[in-house]
Protein backbone atom coordinates (compact mmCIF):
# COMPACT_ATOMS: atom_id res chain seq x y z
CA MET A 1 8.43 -17.01 -6.31
CA HIS A 2 7.83 -13.74 -8.23
CA THR A 3 9.98 -10.85 -7.00
CA THR A 4 8.73 -6.85 -7.89
CA GLN A 5 11.40 -4.39 -8.85
CA GLU A 6 10.46 -2.91 -5.70
CA PHE A 7 12.14 -6.21 -3.97
CA GLU A 8 14.86 -6.62 -6.00
CA ASP A 9 17.18 -3.26 -4.56
CA ILE A 10 16.37 -5.30 -1.09
CA PRO A 11 20.40 -6.19 0.96
CA SER A 12 20.12 -9.70 0.94
CA ALA A 13 20.87 -10.08 4.87
CA SER A 14 17.27 -8.94 4.94
CA GLN A 15 16.40 -11.44 3.42
CA LYS A 16 18.19 -14.00 5.78
CA SER A 17 16.50 -12.88 8.79
CA ILE A 18 13.41 -13.39 7.70
CA LYS A 19 14.19 -17.47 6.92
CA THR A 20 13.28 -19.04 9.54
CA PRO A 21 11.22 -23.30 10.01
CA ILE A 22 7.72 -21.55 10.25
CA HIS A 23 8.88 -19.11 7.41
CA ASP A 24 10.01 -21.95 4.66
CA LEU A 25 6.55 -23.98 5.64
CA ILE A 26 4.81 -21.20 5.15
CA MET A 27 6.37 -20.69 1.69
CA GLY A 28 6.13 -24.50 0.73
CA SER A 29 2.39 -23.87 1.79
CA LEU A 30 1.89 -21.71 -1.05
CA GLU A 31 3.62 -23.60 -3.37
CA ASP A 32 2.51 -26.76 -3.34
CA ASP A 33 -0.71 -25.50 -3.54
CA LYS A 34 -0.15 -23.32 -6.98
CA ALA A 35 -0.51 -19.61 -5.38
CA GLU A 36 0.98 -17.21 -7.87
CA ASP A 37 2.78 -14.04 -7.14
CA ILE A 38 4.42 -14.86 -4.00
CA ILE A 39 6.17 -12.11 -2.60
CA GLN A 40 8.19 -11.93 0.78
CA ILE A 41 9.06 -8.55 2.89
CA ASP A 42 11.25 -7.98 5.77
CA LEU A 43 9.33 -5.64 8.15
CA THR A 44 12.22 -5.48 10.54
CA GLY A 45 12.96 -2.20 11.94
CA LYS A 46 9.59 -0.85 9.77
CA THR A 47 6.90 -2.22 12.17
CA SER A 48 6.41 -3.76 14.89
CA ILE A 49 3.46 -5.76 14.32
CA ALA A 50 5.12 -8.86 12.08
CA ASP A 51 8.91 -9.79 11.70
CA SER A 52 7.78 -10.36 7.79
CA MET A 53 4.71 -10.35 6.02
CA VAL A 54 4.18 -12.66 2.41
CA ILE A 55 1.78 -11.84 0.20
CA ALA A 56 0.41 -14.36 -2.48
CA SER A 57 -2.46 -14.61 -5.17
CA GLY A 58 -4.71 -17.69 -5.71
CA ARG A 59 -6.67 -17.39 -9.24
CA SER A 60 -9.98 -18.30 -7.95
CA THR A 61 -12.26 -17.59 -4.44
CA ARG A 62 -11.96 -21.15 -4.57
CA GLN A 63 -8.66 -21.33 -4.55
CA VAL A 64 -7.82 -18.54 -2.37
CA ALA A 65 -9.88 -20.71 0.45
CA ALA A 66 -8.20 -23.69 -0.65
CA ILE A 67 -4.71 -22.29 0.08
CA SER A 68 -5.41 -20.37 3.06
CA ASP A 69 -7.20 -23.61 5.01
CA HIS A 70 -4.38 -25.92 3.40
CA LEU A 71 -2.16 -23.43 5.10
CA LEU A 72 -3.94 -23.19 7.96
CA ARG A 73 -4.31 -27.13 8.98
CA LYS A 74 0.34 -27.14 8.47
CA LEU A 75 0.66 -24.43 11.03
CA LYS A 76 -1.87 -25.86 13.22
CA ALA A 77 0.39 -28.99 12.92
CA ALA A 78 3.42 -27.15 13.21
CA GLY A 79 2.37 -25.64 16.91
CA LEU A 80 0.89 -22.57 15.54
CA GLY A 81 -2.76 -23.70 16.11
CA SER A 82 -3.88 -19.74 17.63
CA CYS A 83 -3.00 -18.15 14.47
CA THR A 84 -5.88 -15.43 13.98
CA VAL A 85 -7.90 -15.59 10.30
CA GLU A 86 -9.82 -13.30 8.66
CA GLY A 87 -11.56 -12.83 5.40
CA LEU A 88 -11.94 -16.78 5.22
CA ASP A 89 -15.94 -16.84 4.07
CA LYS A 90 -15.46 -14.74 1.47
CA ALA A 91 -11.79 -15.49 0.09
CA ASP A 92 -11.15 -11.88 -1.90
CA TRP A 93 -8.69 -11.59 0.68
CA VAL A 94 -7.33 -13.89 3.80
CA LEU A 95 -4.94 -12.40 6.34
CA ILE A 96 -3.56 -15.02 8.62
CA ASP A 97 -1.42 -13.15 11.12
CA ALA A 98 0.76 -16.70 11.96
CA GLY A 99 2.88 -14.05 15.03
CA ASP A 100 5.81 -12.74 13.61
CA THR A 101 4.44 -13.63 9.72
CA ILE A 102 1.58 -11.94 8.44
CA ILE A 103 0.10 -13.64 5.53
CA HIS A 104 -2.56 -12.43 2.95
CA ILE A 105 -3.50 -14.32 0.12
CA PHE A 106 -5.64 -12.23 -2.38
CA ARG A 107 -7.64 -12.80 -5.71
CA PRO A 108 -5.50 -10.98 -8.61
CA GLU A 109 -8.35 -8.42 -8.69
CA VAL A 110 -7.90 -7.29 -5.28
CA ARG A 111 -4.47 -7.93 -5.09
CA ASP A 112 -4.38 -5.31 -7.57
CA PHE A 113 -6.64 -2.94 -5.92
CA TYR A 114 -4.72 -2.71 -2.53
CA ASN A 115 -1.52 -2.78 -3.94
CA LEU A 116 -0.27 -4.15 -0.41
CA GLU A 117 3.78 -4.21 -1.85
CA LYS A 118 3.72 -0.73 -2.60
CA MET A 119 2.87 0.16 0.37
CA TRP A 120 6.02 -1.52 2.22
CA THR A 121 8.24 -0.77 -0.79
CA PRO A 122 11.69 0.89 1.03
CA ASP A 123 11.13 4.63 -0.81
CA PHE A 124 7.03 4.77 -0.43
CA ARG A 125 6.51 8.57 1.08
CA PRO A 126 2.34 8.46 1.58
CA ASN A 127 2.72 12.33 1.19
CA GLN A 128 4.40 11.82 -1.89
CA GLU A 129 2.16 9.64 -3.17
CA MET A 130 -0.85 11.80 -2.14
CA ALA A 131 0.55 14.58 -4.24
CA ASN A 132 0.65 12.34 -6.72
CA LEU A 133 -2.72 11.38 -7.08
CA ASP A 134 -3.26 15.62 -6.61
CA ASP A 135 -1.26 16.06 -9.65
CA LEU A 136 -4.26 13.66 -11.74
CA ASP A 137 -7.05 15.38 -11.01
CA ASP A 138 -5.19 18.43 -11.71
CA GLU A 139 -5.10 16.60 -15.55
């Protein structure tokens, strides 16, 4: 599993809080299907939409679709057949809402463009990010 520098500072206690059988199923499925750059983000206390987020990449739309399909089948077999899925038709970015965990599976170019990891880092401040963009415009 790949951990970016931003997430290395997250305390280990927050990592333990996202360990559940469903989380293990998700991580195992992504690893089995050779998903790349898998990261997990603990959302506890940050938002009410989920307790954790998992972000991964596939090398092509075909691999993104296959990773997503396999994960959905495993979640259904585990009793989570009511997962909400978006983006499977194009497979550039597939979002799977598995209740307490939201899974994003991207093609690398799309993942780089949206950069969700940066948005959920502990020190992300939208106003500061906008100020940095304004500074670039002035140059």
